[in-house]
Amino acid sequence: MSTTQVRTRTTPTHATPTRPVPSTPIVAVPRRPVWRHGLVAAVAASVTTTALAALASADGVSFSNGTDAGIPILGFAQLTMLFSMVGVGLAALLARRAGRPRRTFVRTTLALTAVSFVPDLTFGFDRPSAVTLVTLHTVAATIVVPTLAARLARVR
């Protein structure tokens, strides 16, 4: 009787590479331009805050701190546009310099929005004016900040 020998092939449980595999590099997400979207958001925020200020003014909110005539309605459009464009510049700067542009931008703008409440609460505005001004700052930030943050990379 002859015995037949069967060769079996064993499969290793893990493959060992024949050459070292370099670590996978972190791929930087390309920066997306923020200025176009920022400009659109700034215009939208300016129109919205101006319209809301006009409605509040028609409802009896004076926007006066007692020593002057008060904030003119067009002042809302101008200042919202100005500070929204400052935000666009900040977003563009952080897109180039920050390691985590989106997170840094959101944290910075939240802090700056909170700081923007200080004059509204300390310059002698009556309660309806102060509440409306704080609300308008919040509305503008709610329009501009998410729009710009969405254009920023998570990691640079």
Protein backbone atom coordinates (compact mmCIF):
# COMPACT_ATOMS: atom_id res chain seq x y z
CA MET A 1 0.00 0.00 0.00
CA SER A 2 1.18 3.33 -0.80
CA THR A 3 0.57 6.34 1.29
CA THR A 4 -0.26 9.57 -0.43
CA GLN A 5 0.91 12.63 1.26
CA VAL A 6 -1.25 15.73 0.90
CA ARG A 7 0.45 19.06 1.12
CA THR A 8 -1.57 21.70 2.83
CA ARG A 9 -0.83 25.34 2.58
CA THR A 10 -1.15 27.40 5.68
CA THR A 11 -2.27 30.98 5.44
CA PRO A 12 -0.62 33.41 7.82
CA THR A 13 -3.00 35.24 10.11
CA HIS A 14 -1.26 38.51 9.37
CA ALA A 15 0.67 39.65 6.36
CA THR A 16 4.13 40.98 6.87
CA PRO A 17 5.12 43.58 4.29
CA THR A 18 8.39 43.06 2.53
CA ARG A 19 9.26 46.73 2.80
CA PRO A 20 8.32 49.34 5.36
CA VAL A 21 5.09 51.17 4.66
CA PRO A 22 5.32 54.91 5.26
CA SER A 23 2.77 56.34 7.61
CA THR A 24 -0.21 57.85 5.93
CA PRO A 25 0.24 61.61 5.75
CA ILE A 26 -2.51 63.91 6.89
CA VAL A 27 -3.97 65.35 3.75
CA ALA A 28 -4.71 69.02 4.15
CA VAL A 29 -8.09 70.06 2.89
CA PRO A 30 -7.66 72.82 0.35
CA ARG A 31 -8.78 76.21 1.53
CA ARG A 32 -12.02 77.34 0.03
CA PRO A 33 -12.38 81.04 -0.70
CA VAL A 34 -14.37 82.75 2.01
CA TRP A 35 -14.69 86.28 0.72
CA ARG A 36 -17.50 85.64 -1.80
CA HIS A 37 -19.64 83.74 0.64
CA GLY A 38 -18.71 86.20 3.37
CA LEU A 39 -19.83 89.14 1.25
CA VAL A 40 -23.18 87.49 0.56
CA ALA A 41 -23.60 86.69 4.26
CA ALA A 42 -22.64 90.27 5.20
CA VAL A 43 -25.24 91.72 2.85
CA ALA A 44 -27.87 89.29 4.15
CA ALA A 45 -27.02 90.16 7.76
CA SER A 46 -27.09 93.89 7.00
CA VAL A 47 -30.47 93.71 5.31
CA THR A 48 -31.89 91.51 8.07
CA THR A 49 -30.65 93.63 10.98
CA THR A 50 -31.75 96.84 9.29
CA ALA A 51 -35.22 95.46 8.62
CA LEU A 52 -35.53 94.19 12.19
CA ALA A 53 -34.28 97.53 13.58
CA ALA A 54 -36.85 99.37 11.45
CA LEU A 55 -39.60 97.09 12.77
CA ALA A 56 -38.44 97.62 16.34
CA SER A 57 -38.26 101.37 15.81
CA ALA A 58 -41.79 101.38 14.40
CA ASP A 59 -42.84 99.45 17.49
CA GLY A 60 -41.44 102.17 19.76
CA VAL A 61 -37.83 101.12 20.46
CA SER A 62 -35.82 104.35 20.59
CA PHE A 63 -32.21 103.08 20.23
CA SER A 64 -31.25 106.13 22.25
CA ASN A 65 -29.03 106.18 25.31
CA GLY A 66 -30.70 109.35 26.55
CA THR A 67 -27.95 111.79 25.51
CA ASP A 68 -28.37 111.82 21.74
CA ALA A 69 -30.91 111.24 18.99
CA GLY A 70 -30.27 107.50 18.88
CA ILE A 71 -28.89 105.13 16.31
CA PRO A 72 -30.10 105.90 12.78
CA ILE A 73 -31.64 102.98 10.92
CA LEU A 74 -29.00 103.10 8.16
CA GLY A 75 -26.35 102.86 10.87
CA PHE A 76 -27.43 99.26 11.40
CA ALA A 77 -26.72 98.41 7.77
CA GLN A 78 -23.36 100.18 7.78
CA LEU A 79 -22.05 98.77 11.03
CA THR A 80 -23.33 95.26 10.34
CA MET A 81 -21.58 95.33 6.95
CA LEU A 82 -18.37 96.73 8.44
CA PHE A 83 -18.07 94.20 11.24
CA SER A 84 -19.19 91.32 9.04
CA MET A 85 -16.36 92.16 6.66
CA VAL A 86 -13.98 92.23 9.64
CA GLY A 87 -15.21 88.67 10.26
CA VAL A 88 -14.48 87.78 6.63
CA GLY A 89 -10.96 89.12 7.03
CA LEU A 90 -10.54 87.15 10.24
CA ALA A 91 -11.74 83.97 8.52
CA ALA A 92 -9.31 84.50 5.63
CA LEU A 93 -6.44 85.09 8.04
CA LEU A 94 -7.24 82.02 10.13
CA ALA A 95 -7.60 79.91 6.98
CA ARG A 96 -3.94 80.66 6.27
CA ARG A 97 -2.47 80.71 9.77
CA ALA A 98 -4.45 78.56 12.20
CA GLY A 99 -3.90 74.83 12.61
CA ARG A 100 -7.65 74.36 13.11
CA PRO A 101 -9.18 77.28 11.22
CA ARG A 102 -12.85 76.41 11.68
CA ARG A 103 -12.67 75.79 15.43
CA THR A 104 -10.49 78.86 16.02
CA PHE A 105 -12.81 81.05 13.96
CA VAL A 106 -15.98 79.89 15.72
CA ARG A 107 -14.48 80.31 19.19
CA THR A 108 -13.08 83.74 18.36
CA THR A 109 -16.30 85.01 16.83
CA LEU A 110 -18.38 83.72 19.72
CA ALA A 111 -16.13 85.65 22.11
CA LEU A 112 -16.28 88.78 19.93
CA THR A 113 -20.06 88.54 19.69
CA ALA A 114 -20.26 88.38 23.48
CA VAL A 115 -17.95 91.41 23.74
CA SER A 116 -20.21 93.28 21.30
CA PHE A 117 -22.99 93.11 23.91
CA VAL A 118 -21.01 95.23 26.38
CA PRO A 119 -21.78 98.66 24.86
CA ASP A 120 -25.45 97.73 24.46
CA LEU A 121 -25.67 96.86 28.14
CA THR A 122 -23.47 99.63 29.58
CA PHE A 123 -24.01 102.78 27.50
CA GLY A 124 -27.30 103.70 29.11
CA PHE A 125 -29.78 102.30 26.62
CA ASP A 126 -33.24 101.63 27.99
CA ARG A 127 -34.21 97.99 28.42
CA PRO A 128 -36.11 97.57 25.09
CA SER A 129 -33.24 99.17 23.15
CA ALA A 130 -30.58 97.08 24.89
CA VAL A 131 -32.50 93.84 24.39
CA THR A 132 -33.12 94.66 20.74
CA LEU A 133 -29.47 95.58 20.13
CA VAL A 134 -28.22 92.36 21.74
CA THR A 135 -30.73 90.43 19.64
CA LEU A 136 -29.58 92.17 16.46
CA HIS A 137 -25.95 91.35 17.22
CA THR A 138 -26.95 87.73 17.73
CA VAL A 139 -28.96 87.65 14.49
CA ALA A 140 -26.04 89.08 12.50
CA ALA A 141 -23.62 86.57 14.03
CA THR A 142 -26.07 83.73 13.38
CA ILE A 143 -26.07 84.61 9.68
CA VAL A 144 -22.38 85.35 9.16
CA VAL A 145 -20.48 82.97 11.45
CA PRO A 146 -21.90 79.63 10.23
CA THR A 147 -21.58 80.73 6.60
CA LEU A 148 -17.90 81.55 7.02
CA ALA A 149 -17.16 78.58 9.29
CA ALA A 150 -18.54 76.20 6.66
CA ARG A 151 -15.96 77.53 4.20
CA LEU A 152 -13.02 76.86 6.53
CA ALA A 153 -11.13 73.61 6.76
CA ARG A 154 -11.28 71.66 10.01
CA VAL A 155 -7.53 71.08 9.94
CA ARG A 156 -4.96 72.93 7.89
